[in-house]
């Protein structure tokens, strides 16, 4: 089963049995056989096949999300085991959503700001999973002014509905979403499996517009924020987009803003900094870089 899951993950991620075979250095029939064996063991079709083209079925997407989550946990554990083998380097912890949406496009600039001082990046799906005894800087999500922790704020929560350009063309009623938020109720709404109740969700977004909405009990919930953005870009429906995590996708046109913006000044991303492991000047440069990139005001730390 494990080998089948590894093969399935590659095929799901790459969207091709042939490309998966090339990545895994096996033959294409071997990939096909492993997937078929996995489908037989699970009792569900994972891919729809049309003239050498494949697409994930609903069951396949659910399994792909679960496998991605599991691999993320494995990668995180491996990185934490390998952290600071020689006692050097800055350990930076971020959620996967923040890492993919905000940090990675800027990571080379962070390296330059630290003069190539080693950076060990640790990612987790949920903010509750951070190891606060190991990380030097945690990019955290918190209520502003939470008394139990001193953090350096970066930017507040700014969220609005997004979809693909193709989905917008198929649903012209969304053009009136700013004036008529109820127009979204007739669309497919994609849900992120929020574990921190402080995050905005569809219920909170509609409530801010004066509309009552309850998440259907059978609604599919994505366990990874990057996966929900990919589903939105693929035209599967509408998702909620956090401005600072989707700016590049908006600029590229893979996501389109529809509907009103919900701004919450009381929830924000911020930096949780731990002193004593790396030189203070490294921490100072890292914090200054984050503030500059986020457009946050300077403050002592």
C-alpha atoms as a PDB file:
ATOM      1  CA  UNK A   1       0.000   0.000   0.000  1.00  0.00           C
ATOM      2  CA  UNK A   2       2.838   2.435   0.878  1.00  0.00           C
ATOM      3  CA  UNK A   3       4.458   2.044  -2.544  1.00  0.00           C
ATOM      4  CA  UNK A   4       1.092   2.554  -4.188  1.00  0.00           C
ATOM      5  CA  UNK A   5       0.498   5.747  -2.214  1.00  0.00           C
ATOM      6  CA  UNK A   6       3.898   7.115  -3.237  1.00  0.00           C
ATOM      7  CA  UNK A   7       3.135   6.400  -6.888  1.00  0.00           C
ATOM      8  CA  UNK A   8      -0.377   7.820  -6.556  1.00  0.00           C
ATOM      9  CA  UNK A   9       0.957  11.028  -4.964  1.00  0.00           C
ATOM     10  CA  UNK A  10       3.353  11.599  -7.854  1.00  0.00           C
ATOM     11  CA  UNK A  11       0.666  10.944 -10.483  1.00  0.00           C
ATOM     12  CA  UNK A  12      -1.853  13.181  -8.690  1.00  0.00           C
ATOM     13  CA  UNK A  13       0.654  15.999  -8.250  1.00  0.00           C
ATOM     14  CA  UNK A  14       1.999  15.830 -11.810  1.00  0.00           C
ATOM     15  CA  UNK A  15      -1.323  15.005 -13.499  1.00  0.00           C
ATOM     16  CA  UNK A  16       0.285  12.300 -15.617  1.00  0.00           C
ATOM     17  CA  UNK A  17       1.259   8.642 -15.281  1.00  0.00           C
ATOM     18  CA  UNK A  18       4.107   9.212 -17.750  1.00  0.00           C
ATOM     19  CA  UNK A  19       5.584  12.145 -15.818  1.00  0.00           C
ATOM     20  CA  UNK A  20       5.180  10.236 -12.570  1.00  0.00           C
ATOM     21  CA  UNK A  21       7.093   7.310 -14.093  1.00  0.00           C
ATOM     22  CA  UNK A  22       9.902   9.648 -15.160  1.00  0.00           C
ATOM     23  CA  UNK A  23      10.123  11.185 -11.678  1.00  0.00           C
ATOM     24  CA  UNK A  24      10.098   7.796  -9.938  1.00  0.00           C
ATOM     25  CA  UNK A  25      12.431   6.235 -12.519  1.00  0.00           C
ATOM     26  CA  UNK A  26      10.046   3.384 -13.314  1.00  0.00           C
ATOM     27  CA  UNK A  27       8.020   2.442 -16.370  1.00  0.00           C
ATOM     28  CA  UNK A  28       4.631   3.957 -17.153  1.00  0.00           C
ATOM     29  CA  UNK A  29       2.904   0.527 -16.962  1.00  0.00           C
ATOM     30  CA  UNK A  30       4.365   0.113 -13.469  1.00  0.00           C
ATOM     31  CA  UNK A  31       2.761   3.379 -12.375  1.00  0.00           C
ATOM     32  CA  UNK A  32      -0.546   2.326 -13.916  1.00  0.00           C
ATOM     33  CA  UNK A  33      -0.352  -1.066 -12.189  1.00  0.00           C
ATOM     34  CA  UNK A  34       0.370   0.475  -8.772  1.00  0.00           C
ATOM     35  CA  UNK A  35      -2.552   2.868  -9.133  1.00  0.00           C
ATOM     36  CA  UNK A  36      -4.904   0.078 -10.220  1.00  0.00           C
ATOM     37  CA  UNK A  37      -3.787  -2.053  -7.268  1.00  0.00           C
ATOM     38  CA  UNK A  38      -4.422   0.858  -4.910  1.00  0.00           C
ATOM     39  CA  UNK A  39      -7.860   1.458  -6.435  1.00  0.00           C
ATOM     40  CA  UNK A  40      -8.722  -2.213  -5.950  1.00  0.00           C
ATOM     41  CA  UNK A  41      -7.561  -2.135  -2.333  1.00  0.00           C
ATOM     42  CA  UNK A  42      -9.558   1.016  -1.571  1.00  0.00           C
ATOM     43  CA  UNK A  43     -12.565   0.048  -3.638  1.00  0.00           C
ATOM     44  CA  UNK A  44     -12.872   3.358  -5.475  1.00  0.00           C
ATOM     45  CA  UNK A  45     -11.704   4.846  -8.764  1.00  0.00           C
ATOM     46  CA  UNK A  46      -9.058   7.490  -8.108  1.00  0.00           C
ATOM     47  CA  UNK A  47      -8.548   8.807 -11.637  1.00  0.00           C
ATOM     48  CA  UNK A  48     -10.865   9.257 -14.575  1.00  0.00           C
ATOM     49  CA  UNK A  49      -9.048   8.297 -17.774  1.00  0.00           C
ATOM     50  CA  UNK A  50      -9.791   9.858 -21.163  1.00  0.00           C
ATOM     51  CA  UNK A  51      -7.505   9.139 -24.144  1.00  0.00           C
ATOM     52  CA  UNK A  52      -4.213   9.118 -22.216  1.00  0.00           C
ATOM     53  CA  UNK A  53      -5.347  12.027 -20.051  1.00  0.00           C
ATOM     54  CA  UNK A  54      -6.123  11.600 -16.359  1.00  0.00           C
ATOM     55  CA  UNK A  55      -8.038  13.650 -13.823  1.00  0.00           C
ATOM     56  CA  UNK A  56      -8.640  13.050 -10.131  1.00  0.00           C
ATOM     57  CA  UNK A  57     -12.079  11.818  -9.178  1.00  0.00           C
ATOM     58  CA  UNK A  58     -13.717  13.133  -6.012  1.00  0.00           C
ATOM     59  CA  UNK A  59     -12.366  10.116  -4.124  1.00  0.00           C
ATOM     60  CA  UNK A  60      -8.969  10.669  -5.717  1.00  0.00           C
ATOM     61  CA  UNK A  61      -8.845  14.302  -4.632  1.00  0.00           C
ATOM     62  CA  UNK A  62      -9.813  13.347  -1.071  1.00  0.00           C
ATOM     63  CA  UNK A  63      -7.007  10.779  -0.963  1.00  0.00           C
ATOM     64  CA  UNK A  64      -4.543  13.221  -2.579  1.00  0.00           C
ATOM     65  CA  UNK A  65      -5.297  15.779   0.137  1.00  0.00           C
ATOM     66  CA  UNK A  66      -4.784  13.169   2.855  1.00  0.00           C
ATOM     67  CA  UNK A  67      -1.516  11.920   1.326  1.00  0.00           C
ATOM     68  CA  UNK A  68      -0.217  15.497   0.946  1.00  0.00           C
ATOM     69  CA  UNK A  69      -1.049  16.132   4.597  1.00  0.00           C
ATOM     70  CA  UNK A  70       0.691  12.947   5.686  1.00  0.00           C
ATOM     71  CA  UNK A  71       3.797  13.656   3.633  1.00  0.00           C
ATOM     72  CA  UNK A  72       3.864  17.164   5.048  1.00  0.00           C
ATOM     73  CA  UNK A  73       3.922  15.770   8.576  1.00  0.00           C
ATOM     74  CA  UNK A  74       6.676  13.314   7.624  1.00  0.00           C
ATOM     75  CA  UNK A  75       8.739  16.098   6.043  1.00  0.00           C
ATOM     76  CA  UNK A  76       8.242  18.305   9.083  1.00  0.00           C
ATOM     77  CA  UNK A  77       9.322  15.536  11.457  1.00  0.00           C
ATOM     78  CA  UNK A  78      12.393  14.755   9.358  1.00  0.00           C
ATOM     79  CA  UNK A  79      13.405  18.396   9.264  1.00  0.00           C
ATOM     80  CA  UNK A  80      12.989  18.810  12.989  1.00  0.00           C
ATOM     81  CA  UNK A  81      15.103  15.703  13.620  1.00  0.00           C
ATOM     82  CA  UNK A  82      17.812  17.128  11.360  1.00  0.00           C
ATOM     83  CA  UNK A  83      17.689  20.678  12.733  1.00  0.00           C
ATOM     84  CA  UNK A  84      20.974  22.249  13.726  1.00  0.00           C
ATOM     85  CA  UNK A  85      23.217  19.229  13.283  1.00  0.00           C
ATOM     86  CA  UNK A  86      26.176  21.467  14.060  1.00  0.00           C
ATOM     87  CA  UNK A  87      24.368  23.985  16.271  1.00  0.00           C
ATOM     88  CA  UNK A  88      24.192  26.714  13.632  1.00  0.00           C
ATOM     89  CA  UNK A  89      21.482  28.327  11.543  1.00  0.00           C
ATOM     90  CA  UNK A  90      18.256  30.261  12.022  1.00  0.00           C
ATOM     91  CA  UNK A  91      15.193  28.046  12.491  1.00  0.00           C
ATOM     92  CA  UNK A  92      12.187  29.706  10.854  1.00  0.00           C
ATOM     93  CA  UNK A  93       8.751  28.095  11.363  1.00  0.00           C
ATOM     94  CA  UNK A  94       5.744  28.925   9.170  1.00  0.00           C
ATOM     95  CA  UNK A  95       2.463  27.363   8.187  1.00  0.00           C
ATOM     96  CA  UNK A  96       2.382  25.753   4.751  1.00  0.00           C
ATOM     97  CA  UNK A  97      -0.164  28.322   3.563  1.00  0.00           C
ATOM     98  CA  UNK A  98       2.095  31.225   4.559  1.00  0.00           C
ATOM     99  CA  UNK A  99       5.174  29.488   3.175  1.00  0.00           C
ATOM    100  CA  UNK A 100       3.701  28.832  -0.278  1.00  0.00           C
ATOM    101  CA  UNK A 101       1.720  32.060  -0.565  1.00  0.00           C
ATOM    102  CA  UNK A 102       4.046  34.661   0.930  1.00  0.00           C
ATOM    103  CA  UNK A 103       7.508  33.433   1.908  1.00  0.00           C
ATOM    104  CA  UNK A 104       8.749  31.307  -1.001  1.00  0.00           C
ATOM    105  CA  UNK A 105       8.405  34.073  -3.636  1.00  0.00           C
ATOM    106  CA  UNK A 106      10.572  36.253  -1.360  1.00  0.00           C
ATOM    107  CA  UNK A 107      12.923  33.644   0.085  1.00  0.00           C
ATOM    108  CA  UNK A 108      15.957  34.588  -2.015  1.00  0.00           C
ATOM    109  CA  UNK A 109      15.669  38.169  -0.738  1.00  0.00           C
ATOM    110  CA  UNK A 110      15.604  36.894   2.852  1.00  0.00           C
ATOM    111  CA  UNK A 111      18.789  34.922   2.227  1.00  0.00           C
ATOM    112  CA  UNK A 112      20.470  38.029   0.857  1.00  0.00           C
ATOM    113  CA  UNK A 113      19.279  40.091   3.827  1.00  0.00           C
ATOM    114  CA  UNK A 114      20.932  37.572   6.155  1.00  0.00           C
ATOM    115  CA  UNK A 115      24.107  37.413   4.055  1.00  0.00           C
ATOM    116  CA  UNK A 116      23.450  33.717   3.380  1.00  0.00           C
ATOM    117  CA  UNK A 117      23.378  32.883   7.102  1.00  0.00           C
ATOM    118  CA  UNK A 118      21.901  29.327   7.157  1.00  0.00           C
ATOM    119  CA  UNK A 119      18.101  29.204   7.380  1.00  0.00           C
ATOM    120  CA  UNK A 120      16.303  26.014   8.403  1.00  0.00           C
ATOM    121  CA  UNK A 121      12.684  26.333   7.240  1.00  0.00           C
ATOM    122  CA  UNK A 122      10.164  24.218   9.182  1.00  0.00           C
ATOM    123  CA  UNK A 123       6.581  24.045   7.918  1.00  0.00           C
ATOM    124  CA  UNK A 124       3.398  22.700   9.440  1.00  0.00           C
ATOM    125  CA  UNK A 125      -0.237  22.545   8.341  1.00  0.00           C
ATOM    126  CA  UNK A 126      -1.567  24.055  11.561  1.00  0.00           C
ATOM    127  CA  UNK A 127      -0.224  26.847  13.741  1.00  0.00           C
ATOM    128  CA  UNK A 128      -0.790  24.700  16.818  1.00  0.00           C
ATOM    129  CA  UNK A 129       1.925  22.357  15.533  1.00  0.00           C
ATOM    130  CA  UNK A 130       4.838  24.772  16.001  1.00  0.00           C
ATOM    131  CA  UNK A 131       7.684  23.630  18.233  1.00  0.00           C
ATOM    132  CA  UNK A 132       8.251  26.771  20.277  1.00  0.00           C
ATOM    133  CA  UNK A 133      11.270  25.289  22.024  1.00  0.00           C
ATOM    134  CA  UNK A 134      13.146  24.811  18.746  1.00  0.00           C
ATOM    135  CA  UNK A 135      12.207  27.676  16.420  1.00  0.00           C
ATOM    136  CA  UNK A 136      14.019  31.023  16.579  1.00  0.00           C
ATOM    137  CA  UNK A 137      11.295  32.865  14.647  1.00  0.00           C
ATOM    138  CA  UNK A 138       7.708  31.678  14.234  1.00  0.00           C
ATOM    139  CA  UNK A 139       5.423  33.388  11.736  1.00  0.00           C
ATOM    140  CA  UNK A 140       2.309  33.023  13.842  1.00  0.00           C
ATOM    141  CA  UNK A 141      -1.388  33.819  13.656  1.00  0.00           C
ATOM    142  CA  UNK A 142      -2.904  35.417  16.716  1.00  0.00           C
ATOM    143  CA  UNK A 143      -5.405  37.807  18.186  1.00  0.00           C
ATOM    144  CA  UNK A 144      -3.869  41.267  18.405  1.00  0.00           C
ATOM    145  CA  UNK A 145      -2.976  42.096  21.975  1.00  0.00           C
ATOM    146  CA  UNK A 146      -3.075  38.510  23.264  1.00  0.00           C
ATOM    147  CA  UNK A 147      -1.577  38.854  26.723  1.00  0.00           C
ATOM    148  CA  UNK A 148       0.155  35.484  26.889  1.00  0.00           C
ATOM    149  CA  UNK A 149       2.663  36.225  24.122  1.00  0.00           C
ATOM    150  CA  UNK A 150       4.743  39.126  22.816  1.00  0.00           C
ATOM    151  CA  UNK A 151       4.647  39.251  19.025  1.00  0.00           C
ATOM    152  CA  UNK A 152       5.703  41.654  16.310  1.00  0.00           C
ATOM    153  CA  UNK A 153       2.698  42.317  14.019  1.00  0.00           C
ATOM    154  CA  UNK A 154       3.099  42.024  10.257  1.00  0.00           C
ATOM    155  CA  UNK A 155      -0.326  42.517   8.659  1.00  0.00           C
ATOM    156  CA  UNK A 156      -3.998  42.165   9.625  1.00  0.00           C
ATOM    157  CA  UNK A 157      -6.546  39.742   8.238  1.00  0.00           C
ATOM    158  CA  UNK A 158      -7.871  40.952   4.874  1.00  0.00           C
ATOM    159  CA  UNK A 159      -9.992  38.335   3.136  1.00  0.00           C
ATOM    160  CA  UNK A 160     -12.392  38.215   0.190  1.00  0.00           C
ATOM    161  CA  UNK A 161     -13.939  35.613  -2.149  1.00  0.00           C
ATOM    162  CA  UNK A 162     -11.904  34.508  -5.176  1.00  0.00           C
ATOM    163  CA  UNK A 163     -12.532  32.323  -8.198  1.00  0.00           C
ATOM    164  CA  UNK A 164     -10.952  31.609 -11.575  1.00  0.00           C
ATOM    165  CA  UNK A 165     -11.584  33.783 -14.615  1.00  0.00           C
ATOM    166  CA  UNK A 166     -13.320  30.836 -16.277  1.00  0.00           C
ATOM    167  CA  UNK A 167     -15.646  30.311 -13.312  1.00  0.00           C
ATOM    168  CA  UNK A 168     -16.506  34.016 -13.356  1.00  0.00           C
ATOM    169  CA  UNK A 169     -17.402  33.786 -17.047  1.00  0.00           C
ATOM    170  CA  UNK A 170     -19.678  30.821 -16.290  1.00  0.00           C
ATOM    171  CA  UNK A 171     -21.366  32.708 -13.442  1.00  0.00           C
ATOM    172  CA  UNK A 172     -22.050  36.267 -14.623  1.00  0.00           C
ATOM    173  CA  UNK A 173     -24.136  36.883 -11.492  1.00  0.00           C
ATOM    174  CA  UNK A 174     -20.854  37.183  -9.585  1.00  0.00           C
ATOM    175  CA  UNK A 175     -20.282  40.540 -11.279  1.00  0.00           C
ATOM    176  CA  UNK A 176     -22.868  41.949  -8.837  1.00  0.00           C
ATOM    177  CA  UNK A 177     -21.361  40.235  -5.785  1.00  0.00           C
ATOM    178  CA  UNK A 178     -20.066  43.512  -4.330  1.00  0.00           C
ATOM    179  CA  UNK A 179     -23.579  44.923  -4.224  1.00  0.00           C
ATOM    180  CA  UNK A 180     -25.403  41.627  -3.704  1.00  0.00           C
ATOM    181  CA  UNK A 181     -23.443  39.189  -1.514  1.00  0.00           C
ATOM    182  CA  UNK A 182     -26.322  36.700  -1.743  1.00  0.00           C
ATOM    183  CA  UNK A 183     -25.273  36.081  -5.350  1.00  0.00           C
ATOM    184  CA  UNK A 184     -22.553  33.802  -3.971  1.00  0.00           C
ATOM    185  CA  UNK A 185     -25.073  31.473  -2.342  1.00  0.00           C
ATOM    186  CA  UNK A 186     -25.870  29.891  -5.697  1.00  0.00           C
ATOM    187  CA  UNK A 187     -22.233  28.995  -6.348  1.00  0.00           C
ATOM    188  CA  UNK A 188     -20.036  26.151  -5.186  1.00  0.00           C
ATOM    189  CA  UNK A 189     -18.235  27.341  -2.050  1.00  0.00           C
ATOM    190  CA  UNK A 190     -14.985  25.557  -1.183  1.00  0.00           C
ATOM    191  CA  UNK A 191     -14.168  25.189   2.502  1.00  0.00           C
ATOM    192  CA  UNK A 192     -10.823  25.209   4.276  1.00  0.00           C
ATOM    193  CA  UNK A 193     -10.636  22.942   7.326  1.00  0.00           C
ATOM    194  CA  UNK A 194      -9.854  25.701   9.829  1.00  0.00           C
ATOM    195  CA  UNK A 195      -8.688  24.447  13.210  1.00  0.00           C
ATOM    196  CA  UNK A 196      -8.191  27.942  14.622  1.00  0.00           C
ATOM    197  CA  UNK A 197     -11.605  29.552  15.076  1.00  0.00           C
ATOM    198  CA  UNK A 198     -10.022  32.992  14.725  1.00  0.00           C
ATOM    199  CA  UNK A 199      -9.643  32.469  10.974  1.00  0.00           C
ATOM    200  CA  UNK A 200     -12.421  33.863   8.816  1.00  0.00           C
ATOM    201  CA  UNK A 201     -14.639  31.281   7.132  1.00  0.00           C
ATOM    202  CA  UNK A 202     -17.682  31.465   4.897  1.00  0.00           C
ATOM    203  CA  UNK A 203     -20.031  31.770   7.871  1.00  0.00           C
ATOM    204  CA  UNK A 204     -18.101  34.763   9.206  1.00  0.00           C
ATOM    205  CA  UNK A 205     -17.770  36.355   5.765  1.00  0.00           C
ATOM    206  CA  UNK A 206     -21.512  36.128   5.070  1.00  0.00           C
ATOM    207  CA  UNK A 207     -22.326  37.336   8.607  1.00  0.00           C
ATOM    208  CA  UNK A 208     -20.240  40.464   7.972  1.00  0.00           C
ATOM    209  CA  UNK A 209     -22.433  41.106   4.902  1.00  0.00           C
ATOM    210  CA  UNK A 210     -25.635  40.616   6.902  1.00  0.00           C
ATOM    211  CA  UNK A 211     -26.369  37.222   5.353  1.00  0.00           C
ATOM    212  CA  UNK A 212     -27.036  34.055   7.355  1.00  0.00           C
ATOM    213  CA  UNK A 213     -25.131  31.038   6.044  1.00  0.00           C
ATOM    214  CA  UNK A 214     -24.487  27.607   7.502  1.00  0.00           C
ATOM    215  CA  UNK A 215     -21.805  25.272   6.186  1.00  0.00           C
ATOM    216  CA  UNK A 216     -23.544  22.158   4.791  1.00  0.00           C
ATOM    217  CA  UNK A 217     -22.792  19.073   6.916  1.00  0.00           C
ATOM    218  CA  UNK A 218     -21.575  17.178   3.834  1.00  0.00           C
ATOM    219  CA  UNK A 219     -19.342  20.004   2.588  1.00  0.00           C
ATOM    220  CA  UNK A 220     -15.904  18.852   1.464  1.00  0.00           C
ATOM    221  CA  UNK A 221     -13.184  20.464   3.586  1.00  0.00           C
ATOM    222  CA  UNK A 222      -9.661  20.954   2.239  1.00  0.00           C
ATOM    223  CA  UNK A 223      -6.934  20.217   4.775  1.00  0.00           C
ATOM    224  CA  UNK A 224      -4.262  22.299   3.023  1.00  0.00           C
ATOM    225  CA  UNK A 225      -4.696  25.945   1.994  1.00  0.00           C
ATOM    226  CA  UNK A 226      -2.519  25.661  -1.100  1.00  0.00           C
ATOM    227  CA  UNK A 227      -4.711  22.793  -2.309  1.00  0.00           C
ATOM    228  CA  UNK A 228      -7.891  24.854  -1.983  1.00  0.00           C
ATOM    229  CA  UNK A 229      -6.293  27.668  -3.993  1.00  0.00           C
ATOM    230  CA  UNK A 230      -5.362  25.175  -6.701  1.00  0.00           C
ATOM    231  CA  UNK A 231      -8.949  23.906  -6.758  1.00  0.00           C
ATOM    232  CA  UNK A 232     -10.224  27.486  -7.088  1.00  0.00           C
ATOM    233  CA  UNK A 233      -7.769  28.170  -9.918  1.00  0.00           C
ATOM    234  CA  UNK A 234      -8.985  24.968 -11.619  1.00  0.00           C
ATOM    235  CA  UNK A 235     -12.522  26.365 -11.656  1.00  0.00           C
ATOM    236  CA  UNK A 236     -14.051  24.087  -9.016  1.00  0.00           C
ATOM    237  CA  UNK A 237     -15.741  26.943  -7.169  1.00  0.00           C
ATOM    238  CA  UNK A 238     -15.170  29.930  -4.888  1.00  0.00           C
ATOM    239  CA  UNK A 239     -12.736  30.096  -2.006  1.00  0.00           C
ATOM    240  CA  UNK A 240     -11.769  32.712   0.546  1.00  0.00           C
ATOM    241  CA  UNK A 241      -8.487  34.407  -0.257  1.00  0.00           C
ATOM    242  CA  UNK A 242      -6.225  36.079   2.308  1.00  0.00           C
ATOM    243  CA  UNK A 243      -4.821  39.099   0.480  1.00  0.00           C
ATOM    244  CA  UNK A 244      -1.202  38.772   1.590  1.00  0.00           C
ATOM    245  CA  UNK A 245      -1.089  35.074   0.672  1.00  0.00           C
ATOM    246  CA  UNK A 246      -2.552  35.391  -2.832  1.00  0.00           C
ATOM    247  CA  UNK A 247      -1.148  38.665  -4.193  1.00  0.00           C
ATOM    248  CA  UNK A 248       1.019  36.941  -6.797  1.00  0.00           C
ATOM    249  CA  UNK A 249      -1.861  34.732  -7.982  1.00  0.00           C
ATOM    250  CA  UNK A 250      -4.103  37.775  -8.312  1.00  0.00           C
ATOM    251  CA  UNK A 251      -1.430  39.603 -10.317  1.00  0.00           C
ATOM    252  CA  UNK A 252      -0.938  36.550 -12.545  1.00  0.00           C
ATOM    253  CA  UNK A 253      -4.695  36.242 -13.151  1.00  0.00           C
ATOM    254  CA  UNK A 254      -5.031  32.675 -11.854  1.00  0.00           C
ATOM    255  CA  UNK A 255      -7.357  34.047  -9.158  1.00  0.00           C
ATOM    256  CA  UNK A 256      -9.945  36.813  -9.515  1.00  0.00           C
ATOM    257  CA  UNK A 257     -11.463  38.778  -6.632  1.00  0.00           C
ATOM    258  CA  UNK A 258     -15.267  38.717  -6.402  1.00  0.00           C
ATOM    259  CA  UNK A 259     -17.390  40.074  -3.579  1.00  0.00           C
ATOM    260  CA  UNK A 260     -16.709  42.328  -0.651  1.00  0.00           C
ATOM    261  CA  UNK A 261     -13.574  42.485   1.476  1.00  0.00           C
ATOM    262  CA  UNK A 262     -13.659  41.497   5.133  1.00  0.00           C
ATOM    263  CA  UNK A 263     -11.031  43.351   7.174  1.00  0.00           C
ATOM    264  CA  UNK A 264     -10.344  42.275  10.747  1.00  0.00           C
ATOM    265  CA  UNK A 265      -7.797  44.415  12.567  1.00  0.00           C
ATOM    266  CA  UNK A 266      -7.985  42.149  15.631  1.00  0.00           C
ATOM    267  CA  UNK A 267      -6.451  39.075  13.967  1.00  0.00           C
ATOM    268  CA  UNK A 268      -3.091  39.195  12.245  1.00  0.00           C
ATOM    269  CA  UNK A 269       0.094  37.447  11.240  1.00  0.00           C
ATOM    270  CA  UNK A 270       3.034  38.305  13.460  1.00  0.00           C
ATOM    271  CA  UNK A 271       6.514  37.199  14.463  1.00  0.00           C
ATOM    272  CA  UNK A 272       7.216  35.254  17.642  1.00  0.00           C
ATOM    273  CA  UNK A 273      10.966  35.701  18.269  1.00  0.00           C
ATOM    274  CA  UNK A 274      13.134  33.615  20.594  1.00  0.00           C
ATOM    275  CA  UNK A 275      16.535  34.948  21.663  1.00  0.00           C
ATOM    276  CA  UNK A 276      19.630  33.082  22.746  1.00  0.00           C
ATOM    277  CA  UNK A 277      20.362  30.589  19.971  1.00  0.00           C
ATOM    278  CA  UNK A 278      21.502  32.719  17.031  1.00  0.00           C
ATOM    279  CA  UNK A 279      23.320  36.082  17.106  1.00  0.00           C
ATOM    280  CA  UNK A 280      21.087  39.053  17.929  1.00  0.00           C
ATOM    281  CA  UNK A 281      22.187  40.885  14.782  1.00  0.00           C
ATOM    282  CA  UNK A 282      20.854  37.980  12.683  1.00  0.00           C
ATOM    283  CA  UNK A 283      17.484  38.166  14.444  1.00  0.00           C
ATOM    284  CA  UNK A 284      17.427  41.941  14.016  1.00  0.00           C
ATOM    285  CA  UNK A 285      18.095  41.697  10.277  1.00  0.00           C
ATOM    286  CA  UNK A 286      15.490  38.944   9.859  1.00  0.00           C
ATOM    287  CA  UNK A 287      12.830  40.900  11.744  1.00  0.00           C
ATOM    288  CA  UNK A 288      13.669  44.086   9.842  1.00  0.00           C
ATOM    289  CA  UNK A 289      13.343  42.188   6.563  1.00  0.00           C
ATOM    290  CA  UNK A 290       9.916  40.795   7.481  1.00  0.00           C
ATOM    291  CA  UNK A 291       8.714  44.248   8.540  1.00  0.00           C
ATOM    292  CA  UNK A 292       9.960  45.814   5.318  1.00  0.00           C
ATOM    293  CA  UNK A 293       8.414  43.162   3.059  1.00  0.00           C
ATOM    294  CA  UNK A 294       5.120  43.322   4.957  1.00  0.00           C
ATOM    295  CA  UNK A 295       5.054  47.114   5.091  1.00  0.00           C
ATOM    296  CA  UNK A 296       4.775  46.896   8.874  1.00  0.00           C
ATOM    297  CA  UNK A 297       5.821  49.781  11.145  1.00  0.00           C
ATOM    298  CA  UNK A 298       9.098  49.384  13.006  1.00  0.00           C
ATOM    299  CA  UNK A 299       9.170  48.597  16.704  1.00  0.00           C
ATOM    300  CA  UNK A 300      11.651  47.354  19.286  1.00  0.00           C
ATOM    301  CA  UNK A 301      11.837  43.663  20.059  1.00  0.00           C
END
